[in-house]
Every structure is written in structure tokens, then in C-alpha cells.
Amino acid sequence: MKVSDKALNQFGAKTHRYILREPIPEKDVVNYEEQLHITLPEAYKIFITRIGYGGAGPDHGLWIFSPDLFIGNNEFYKDPSLFLPLTFGPDTSNEEWKANTSKFYQKLSLEEEWKEDDRVYGGLSIIGDCGCGTMNRLVMNGEHKGKIVWTPGDCTVKPGFYEEDNFLDWYERWLDESILRDLQLFGVGNFAVRDKKSDEEVIRQYEEAIDVNTRKRCLSALLERRSLAPSVFDIIKKDFAHEDEDIRRQVQALLTKHAYETAKPLLKKFEASYFGEVLNLIYAFADEHAADWKTEIETVLGGNSTEERLIDKVKELKSISLKQE
């Protein structure tokens, strides 16, 4: 991503610049846990000790994990809010959240406001900044331990849970979406703000939309999902050769990712001049089917393409296809 987004156009890239700090020694993390009598969520612990402990990540990146944050007499700083129980869950209603934050509607002193803030967001540790006051936080205890929550700058607005169960899956989705943006197949904006409508609701909005931009946003929302309702495919299939290039490419990506056997015969109809575009889709979403595209691979490699990144991808696909024989 650092190579493909040299201009740092992706949201938050100018902050983290795709730089991920070296992992931190596990003994330092264990010492931190022992001193604070706390156990970090396992997936997060694996990330900071084996992959990196701050920097490149969703939105403005990951905050640096500091196991050596001391106060007077070399005592560890203990954030009391980390040990408090979570005051909300994925199913908390707007009415329940309003009741939970009712004190914020009263006149509070600064000290009272801080104390109430600690209570409301108890059991959460900030791991990143989404911008405009919104934060990404890690659940530190309870039944939802290890999940990631985004909290708006306005505490009267209900926070939201990301769909992933742990930090590693959450981070992987950011990587996947970043690749989609690199292919210009995904919308832009804050990682925390995602459409949570059902597949049926999104596809209904897509069908009813009059303007092209709304339809693109609907396709972007569907493209990020791990699976789709089968009813979606019949609806979007008709736009496989849509006159708008962005919609056409998004539909092709959706079908390649979620309904390969439907996409395959449609992609096979493309002329040689489009083979590069087709193989880009196979590389991104269906490399387990690389062996189906030997003719297209050899055509691109035997051509006069000067796109180095495309050639590298096609060479990798060829290597994968040979292993599949």
C-alpha cells in the first residue's frame, strides 16, 4: 500500500504514512500485565508482539502501545476505567444509551465530567483516532473482550461495535478494504462509518437510486462484506456491462468475489485488450481459480504491457496456477 498510495490519498494515510513500528518484546507485555493485574485480549497481544505495536492501521492509525508508562517511584500508571465493566453492548438501544448518558445532559464540573466519561466508557482502551473526536477502542474485559468499538466525539451518540470478534480480523479487514481502494473499487472515508443495513436493504436502495453516486456507495457497502445473500447476484448481474465504468467494475468485482461461477463465463467473454483488467480481479478475489485463466495469463505476459505492477501480479498468478495443476 505504501508503494501504491505514494501520494497518501487514503483516509488517514498522511498521519501513519503506512509505517508500522517493530513488534514489542513479549516479556515487556507480560510484565505490564503482571504489574497491572490485567490480561490483554489475545489477538491484540499477538499483533503487538509479532507484527507491530503502533502506526499503520485503520483511519489515522494505531496508537503506540506503551508498556513502560511510569509515574512517580517507577509505579505503573493504572487507568482505573480499564477495570470497569462495559456499560453497553451491540444490542443496546438508543433509548438505553440515552439513559446511560443522562448525566451529560446536566451541568457538570470538569472533574465530574471526567468521572462520568470513565464510567460510560469503562472497560475500553483507546487504540486509534478516527478523526473528528471519534475513537477506536478495544474491549478489555467481559463477554465482549477483544472486540473493537468506535465511540463518537459526542458522548450522547451511541457507540458502535465492529462486526469482527477480535483485533486481528478487524485489522485484516482494513487491509482488504485498502486493497479494494487501491483497485478503485471501494469508496472513501472513515473506517468506523460503515453501512450496517442488511444485504436486502442495500440492494433495494441500489435498485431505487436515481443518481449514479448513490448506486456506487451501495456497491461499495456490499463489496466489503464477507458473504452476500444469493438474491443480490441476480439483481446486480444485469449491470455487469454497465455504461458507467465505476459501476461496471464494482459489479464485476462483487461477482468475482462472491459468486465466481457466475462471474467466470461473463469474464471469459472479454476481448484480449481487457485481459489485464480481468486478471486484476482474479488476483484480488479468486486466485484459488488461477488455473482457469492460463490463456489470459500467457496473453498478458506475451504482450507489450508496461504496467509493472500488473505484470508482477500476472506472474504471481502464473506461479499459483502451476501449483494448482
Protein backbone atom coordinates (compact mmCIF):
# COMPACT_ATOMS: atom_id res chain seq x y z
CA MET A 1 0.00 0.00 0.00
CA LYS A 2 2.90 2.32 0.73
CA VAL A 3 4.03 1.83 -2.85
CA SER A 4 0.61 2.07 -4.49
CA ASP A 5 -0.51 5.10 -2.45
CA LYS A 6 2.62 7.22 -2.69
CA ALA A 7 0.52 10.39 -2.58
CA LEU A 8 -1.06 9.21 0.71
CA ASN A 9 -4.57 9.73 -0.63
CA GLN A 10 -6.27 7.12 1.54
CA PHE A 11 -8.06 8.44 4.60
CA GLY A 12 -5.59 8.84 7.49
CA ALA A 13 -2.55 7.84 5.43
CA LYS A 14 -0.89 11.21 5.90
CA THR A 15 -0.90 10.52 9.65
CA HIS A 16 0.51 6.98 9.80
CA ARG A 17 2.26 7.04 6.38
CA TYR A 18 1.96 3.22 6.24
CA ILE A 19 4.74 2.88 8.81
CA LEU A 20 4.22 0.09 11.34
CA ARG A 21 6.52 0.07 14.37
CA GLU A 22 8.55 -3.03 15.17
CA PRO A 23 6.91 -5.59 17.50
CA ILE A 24 7.49 -5.16 21.21
CA PRO A 25 9.18 -7.95 23.23
CA GLU A 26 6.61 -10.28 24.73
CA LYS A 27 8.36 -10.16 28.11
CA ASP A 28 7.64 -6.42 28.30
CA VAL A 29 3.95 -7.04 27.67
CA VAL A 30 3.84 -9.87 30.23
CA ASN A 31 5.49 -7.56 32.77
CA TYR A 32 2.88 -4.90 32.01
CA GLU A 33 0.07 -7.41 32.53
CA GLU A 34 1.55 -8.61 35.82
CA GLN A 35 2.06 -5.12 37.16
CA LEU A 36 -1.49 -4.03 36.32
CA HIS A 37 -3.09 -7.41 37.10
CA ILE A 38 -4.70 -7.37 33.69
CA THR A 39 -4.70 -9.72 30.67
CA LEU A 40 -4.68 -8.16 27.22
CA PRO A 41 -7.03 -9.64 24.60
CA GLU A 42 -5.11 -12.48 22.95
CA ALA A 43 -5.37 -11.32 19.32
CA TYR A 44 -4.20 -7.81 20.22
CA LYS A 45 -1.31 -9.24 22.22
CA ILE A 46 -0.25 -11.39 19.25
CA PHE A 47 -0.33 -8.33 16.99
CA ILE A 48 1.83 -6.05 19.15
CA THR A 49 4.39 -8.78 19.93
CA ARG A 50 4.67 -10.36 16.48
CA ILE A 51 3.54 -7.79 13.89
CA GLY A 52 3.81 -4.21 15.16
CA TYR A 53 2.82 -2.10 18.14
CA GLY A 54 1.63 1.12 16.57
CA GLY A 55 1.41 3.09 13.35
CA ALA A 56 -0.23 1.94 10.12
CA GLY A 57 -3.84 0.96 10.64
CA PRO A 58 -7.48 2.00 10.26
CA ASP A 59 -8.23 5.72 9.94
CA HIS A 60 -5.37 7.76 11.47
CA GLY A 61 -3.55 4.60 12.51
CA LEU A 62 -2.90 2.68 15.71
CA TRP A 63 -1.82 4.37 18.88
CA ILE A 64 1.51 3.19 20.27
CA PHE A 65 1.21 0.57 22.99
CA SER A 66 3.43 1.73 25.88
CA PRO A 67 4.17 -0.93 28.49
CA ASP A 68 6.72 1.33 30.19
CA LEU A 69 4.41 4.22 31.09
CA PHE A 70 5.51 5.06 34.63
CA ILE A 71 4.51 7.62 37.22
CA GLY A 72 6.29 8.52 40.47
CA ASN A 73 8.60 5.94 42.08
CA ASN A 74 8.53 3.81 38.93
CA GLU A 75 4.96 2.69 39.57
CA PHE A 76 2.91 1.77 36.55
CA TYR A 77 0.17 4.20 35.57
CA LYS A 78 -3.16 2.44 36.08
CA ASP A 79 -6.11 3.78 34.16
CA PRO A 80 -8.99 2.92 36.51
CA SER A 81 -11.52 2.90 33.68
CA LEU A 82 -9.89 -0.20 32.14
CA PHE A 83 -11.09 -2.30 35.05
CA LEU A 84 -14.69 -1.11 34.98
CA PRO A 85 -17.45 -3.19 33.37
CA LEU A 86 -18.72 -2.28 29.90
CA THR A 87 -21.90 -0.22 30.18
CA PHE A 88 -23.31 -1.14 26.77
CA GLY A 89 -23.32 -3.89 24.17
CA PRO A 90 -24.02 -4.49 20.47
CA ASP A 91 -27.76 -4.64 21.12
CA THR A 92 -28.03 -1.53 23.31
CA SER A 93 -30.90 0.63 22.04
CA ASN A 94 -30.77 4.38 21.53
CA GLU A 95 -33.15 4.79 24.46
CA GLU A 96 -30.91 2.70 26.73
CA TRP A 97 -27.86 4.69 25.67
CA LYS A 98 -29.63 7.97 26.37
CA ALA A 99 -30.45 6.74 29.87
CA ASN A 100 -26.86 5.61 30.35
CA THR A 101 -25.53 9.08 29.44
CA SER A 102 -28.27 11.11 31.14
CA LYS A 103 -25.80 12.89 33.44
CA PHE A 104 -24.14 14.53 30.43
CA TYR A 105 -27.37 16.47 29.90
CA GLN A 106 -26.84 18.07 33.32
CA LYS A 107 -24.41 20.79 34.32
CA LEU A 108 -21.25 19.02 35.48
CA SER A 109 -17.92 20.22 36.76
CA LEU A 110 -14.87 19.22 34.74
CA GLU A 111 -13.95 16.62 37.35
CA GLU A 112 -17.49 15.20 37.37
CA GLU A 113 -17.50 15.04 33.58
CA TRP A 114 -14.22 13.11 33.52
CA LYS A 115 -15.50 10.68 36.15
CA GLU A 116 -18.72 10.10 34.21
CA ASP A 117 -16.76 9.67 30.99
CA ASP A 118 -14.66 6.96 32.69
CA ARG A 119 -17.82 5.18 33.81
CA VAL A 120 -19.59 5.35 30.46
CA TYR A 121 -16.54 4.13 28.54
CA GLY A 122 -15.33 1.78 31.28
CA GLY A 123 -13.64 -1.40 30.12
CA LEU A 124 -12.35 0.20 26.91
CA SER A 125 -8.82 1.16 25.89
CA ILE A 126 -8.27 3.68 23.09
CA ILE A 127 -6.21 2.15 20.28
CA GLY A 128 -6.73 4.68 17.48
CA ASP A 129 -8.12 8.01 16.30
CA CYS A 130 -10.79 8.04 13.60
CA GLY A 131 -10.85 11.83 13.33
CA CYS A 132 -13.41 14.43 14.45
CA GLY A 133 -13.35 13.10 18.01
CA THR A 134 -14.30 9.52 17.10
CA MET A 135 -12.04 6.87 18.63
CA ASN A 136 -11.41 3.18 18.07
CA ARG A 137 -11.35 1.32 21.39
CA LEU A 138 -10.51 -2.22 22.47
CA VAL A 139 -12.83 -4.03 24.90
CA MET A 140 -10.64 -5.11 27.81
CA ASN A 141 -12.94 -7.35 29.83
CA GLY A 142 -16.32 -9.06 29.97
CA GLU A 143 -18.18 -11.14 27.39
CA HIS A 144 -17.14 -8.84 24.52
CA LYS A 145 -13.43 -8.79 25.43
CA GLY A 146 -11.24 -8.42 22.37
CA LYS A 147 -13.85 -6.77 20.14
CA ILE A 148 -13.35 -3.27 18.74
CA VAL A 149 -15.76 -0.39 19.35
CA TRP A 150 -15.90 3.05 17.77
CA THR A 151 -17.03 5.89 20.04
CA PRO A 152 -18.24 9.21 18.58
CA GLY A 153 -16.88 12.53 19.80
CA ASP A 154 -20.35 13.36 21.12
CA CYS A 155 -20.91 11.00 24.06
CA THR A 156 -24.68 11.33 23.68
CA VAL A 157 -24.40 9.41 20.39
CA LYS A 158 -24.40 5.62 20.83
CA PRO A 159 -21.08 3.88 20.03
CA GLY A 160 -20.92 1.03 17.55
CA PHE A 161 -19.35 -2.43 17.59
CA TYR A 162 -17.35 -3.57 14.57
CA GLU A 163 -18.54 -6.93 13.27
CA GLU A 164 -15.21 -8.72 13.85
CA ASP A 165 -14.70 -10.76 17.02
CA ASN A 166 -11.05 -9.85 17.53
CA PHE A 167 -8.33 -7.34 16.71
CA LEU A 168 -6.58 -9.44 14.03
CA ASP A 169 -9.76 -9.92 11.98
CA TRP A 170 -10.57 -6.21 12.34
CA TYR A 171 -7.09 -5.21 11.14
CA GLU A 172 -7.25 -7.69 8.27
CA ARG A 173 -10.49 -6.14 7.04
CA TRP A 174 -8.79 -2.75 6.96
CA LEU A 175 -6.05 -4.28 4.80
CA ASP A 176 -8.63 -5.87 2.50
CA GLU A 177 -10.55 -2.62 2.09
CA SER A 178 -7.32 -0.72 1.45
CA ILE A 179 -6.53 -3.10 -1.40
CA LEU A 180 -10.01 -2.55 -2.82
CA ARG A 181 -9.45 1.19 -2.74
CA ASP A 182 -6.13 0.67 -4.48
CA LEU A 183 -8.11 -1.08 -7.24
CA GLN A 184 -10.53 1.88 -7.17
CA LEU A 185 -13.36 -0.49 -6.29
CA PHE A 186 -14.21 0.84 -2.86
CA GLY A 187 -15.48 4.13 -1.52
CA VAL A 188 -13.51 6.54 0.61
CA GLY A 189 -13.94 7.76 4.14
CA ASN A 190 -13.75 6.84 7.78
CA PHE A 191 -13.30 3.13 8.58
CA ALA A 192 -15.64 3.48 11.58
CA VAL A 193 -18.56 4.72 9.50
CA ARG A 194 -19.93 1.76 7.56
CA ASP A 195 -23.39 0.96 6.29
CA LYS A 196 -24.93 -1.66 8.62
CA LYS A 197 -28.08 -2.26 6.57
CA SER A 198 -28.92 -5.81 5.52
CA ASP A 199 -27.99 -7.03 2.04
CA GLU A 200 -31.63 -6.78 1.02
CA GLU A 201 -31.92 -3.19 2.25
CA VAL A 202 -28.77 -2.10 0.43
CA ILE A 203 -29.71 -3.79 -2.84
CA ARG A 204 -33.20 -2.26 -2.61
CA GLN A 205 -31.62 1.17 -2.21
CA TYR A 206 -29.39 0.35 -5.20
CA GLU A 207 -32.37 -0.50 -7.40
CA GLU A 208 -34.34 2.56 -6.34
CA ALA A 209 -31.45 5.02 -6.60
CA ILE A 210 -31.73 7.60 -9.36
CA ASP A 211 -28.22 9.07 -9.16
CA VAL A 212 -25.08 7.11 -10.01
CA ASN A 213 -23.16 8.09 -6.87
CA THR A 214 -25.76 6.51 -4.58
CA ARG A 215 -25.56 3.29 -6.57
CA LYS A 216 -21.76 3.33 -6.27
CA ARG A 217 -21.99 3.74 -2.50
CA CYS A 218 -24.37 0.79 -2.32
CA LEU A 219 -21.98 -1.39 -4.29
CA SER A 220 -19.08 -0.32 -2.07
CA ALA A 221 -21.09 -1.29 1.01
CA LEU A 222 -21.74 -4.75 -0.47
CA LEU A 223 -18.19 -5.24 -1.67
CA GLU A 224 -16.75 -5.05 1.85
CA ARG A 225 -18.92 -7.90 3.14
CA ARG A 226 -17.62 -11.40 3.64
CA SER A 227 -20.68 -13.02 2.08
CA LEU A 228 -23.87 -11.92 0.35
CA ALA A 229 -27.42 -13.18 0.08
CA PRO A 230 -27.84 -15.11 -3.24
CA SER A 231 -30.73 -12.83 -4.19
CA VAL A 232 -28.22 -9.98 -4.65
CA PHE A 233 -26.42 -11.67 -7.55
CA ASP A 234 -29.39 -11.85 -9.93
CA ILE A 235 -30.06 -8.15 -9.39
CA ILE A 236 -26.54 -6.85 -9.96
CA LYS A 237 -25.70 -9.33 -12.74
CA LYS A 238 -27.60 -7.21 -15.24
CA ASP A 239 -25.12 -4.37 -14.67
CA PHE A 240 -22.05 -6.49 -15.47
CA ALA A 241 -21.54 -4.42 -18.63
CA HIS A 242 -22.97 -1.14 -17.27
CA GLU A 243 -22.13 2.00 -19.25
CA ASP A 244 -20.65 3.67 -16.16
CA GLU A 245 -17.10 2.33 -15.75
CA ASP A 246 -17.06 2.50 -11.94
CA ILE A 247 -20.37 0.64 -11.56
CA ARG A 248 -19.30 -1.92 -14.14
CA ARG A 249 -16.01 -2.64 -12.36
CA GLN A 250 -17.66 -2.80 -8.93
CA VAL A 251 -20.28 -5.28 -10.15
CA GLN A 252 -17.59 -7.41 -11.79
CA ALA A 253 -15.61 -7.37 -8.54
CA LEU A 254 -18.66 -8.29 -6.46
CA LEU A 255 -19.50 -11.29 -8.60
CA THR A 256 -15.87 -12.42 -8.84
CA LYS A 257 -15.54 -12.24 -5.06
CA HIS A 258 -18.90 -13.66 -4.00
CA ALA A 259 -20.19 -15.67 -7.00
CA TYR A 260 -17.17 -16.84 -9.00
CA GLU A 261 -19.02 -19.45 -11.06
CA THR A 262 -21.46 -16.74 -12.16
CA ALA A 263 -18.70 -14.26 -12.96
CA LYS A 264 -16.41 -16.69 -14.81
CA PRO A 265 -18.38 -17.13 -18.09
CA LEU A 266 -19.07 -13.39 -18.20
CA LEU A 267 -15.40 -12.53 -17.72
CA LYS A 268 -14.39 -15.10 -20.34
CA LYS A 269 -16.31 -13.12 -22.95
CA PHE A 270 -13.95 -10.14 -22.73
CA GLU A 271 -11.55 -9.49 -25.57
CA ALA A 272 -7.76 -9.65 -25.15
CA SER A 273 -7.49 -5.91 -24.56
CA TYR A 274 -9.37 -6.40 -21.27
CA PHE A 275 -7.38 -9.42 -20.04
CA GLY A 276 -5.30 -7.25 -17.73
CA GLU A 277 -8.41 -5.90 -16.04
CA VAL A 278 -9.85 -9.40 -15.73
CA LEU A 279 -6.68 -10.80 -14.17
CA ASN A 280 -6.59 -7.91 -11.71
CA LEU A 281 -9.96 -9.16 -10.44
CA ILE A 282 -8.80 -12.79 -10.28
CA TYR A 283 -5.66 -11.75 -8.41
CA ALA A 284 -7.65 -9.75 -5.86
CA PHE A 285 -10.63 -12.06 -5.30
CA ALA A 286 -10.21 -15.50 -6.83
CA ASP A 287 -6.55 -16.55 -7.07
CA GLU A 288 -7.59 -20.04 -5.96
CA HIS A 289 -9.01 -20.33 -9.51
CA ALA A 290 -5.84 -19.10 -11.25
CA ALA A 291 -5.60 -22.29 -13.29
CA ASP A 292 -8.81 -21.30 -15.11
CA TRP A 293 -7.02 -18.33 -16.65
CA LYS A 294 -3.90 -19.78 -18.27
CA THR A 295 -4.73 -18.41 -21.73
CA GLU A 296 -5.30 -14.91 -20.41
CA ILE A 297 -2.13 -15.09 -18.29
CA GLU A 298 0.06 -16.12 -21.22
CA THR A 299 -1.52 -13.46 -23.45
CA VAL A 300 -0.74 -10.66 -21.00
CA LEU A 301 2.79 -11.91 -20.29
CA GLY A 302 3.45 -12.24 -24.01
CA GLY A 303 2.14 -8.77 -24.80
CA ASN A 304 3.68 -5.33 -24.65
CA SER A 305 2.28 -4.12 -21.35
CA THR A 306 4.48 -1.63 -19.50
CA GLU A 307 2.45 -1.76 -16.28
CA GLU A 308 4.98 -3.27 -13.90
CA ARG A 309 2.53 -3.86 -11.09
CA LEU A 310 0.14 -5.70 -13.41
CA ILE A 311 2.94 -7.88 -14.79
CA ASP A 312 4.08 -8.75 -11.25
CA LYS A 313 0.54 -9.80 -10.35
CA VAL A 314 0.13 -11.88 -13.51
CA LYS A 315 3.47 -13.60 -12.92
CA GLU A 316 2.31 -14.48 -9.42
CA LEU A 317 -0.96 -15.82 -10.81
CA LYS A 318 1.01 -17.99 -13.25
CA SER A 319 3.04 -19.38 -10.37
CA ILE A 320 -0.15 -20.11 -8.43
CA SER A 321 -1.78 -21.77 -11.46
CA LEU A 322 1.21 -24.09 -11.95
CA LYS A 323 0.89 -25.26 -8.34
CA GLN A 324 -2.80 -25.99 -8.95
CA GLU A 325 -2.10 -28.41 -11.80
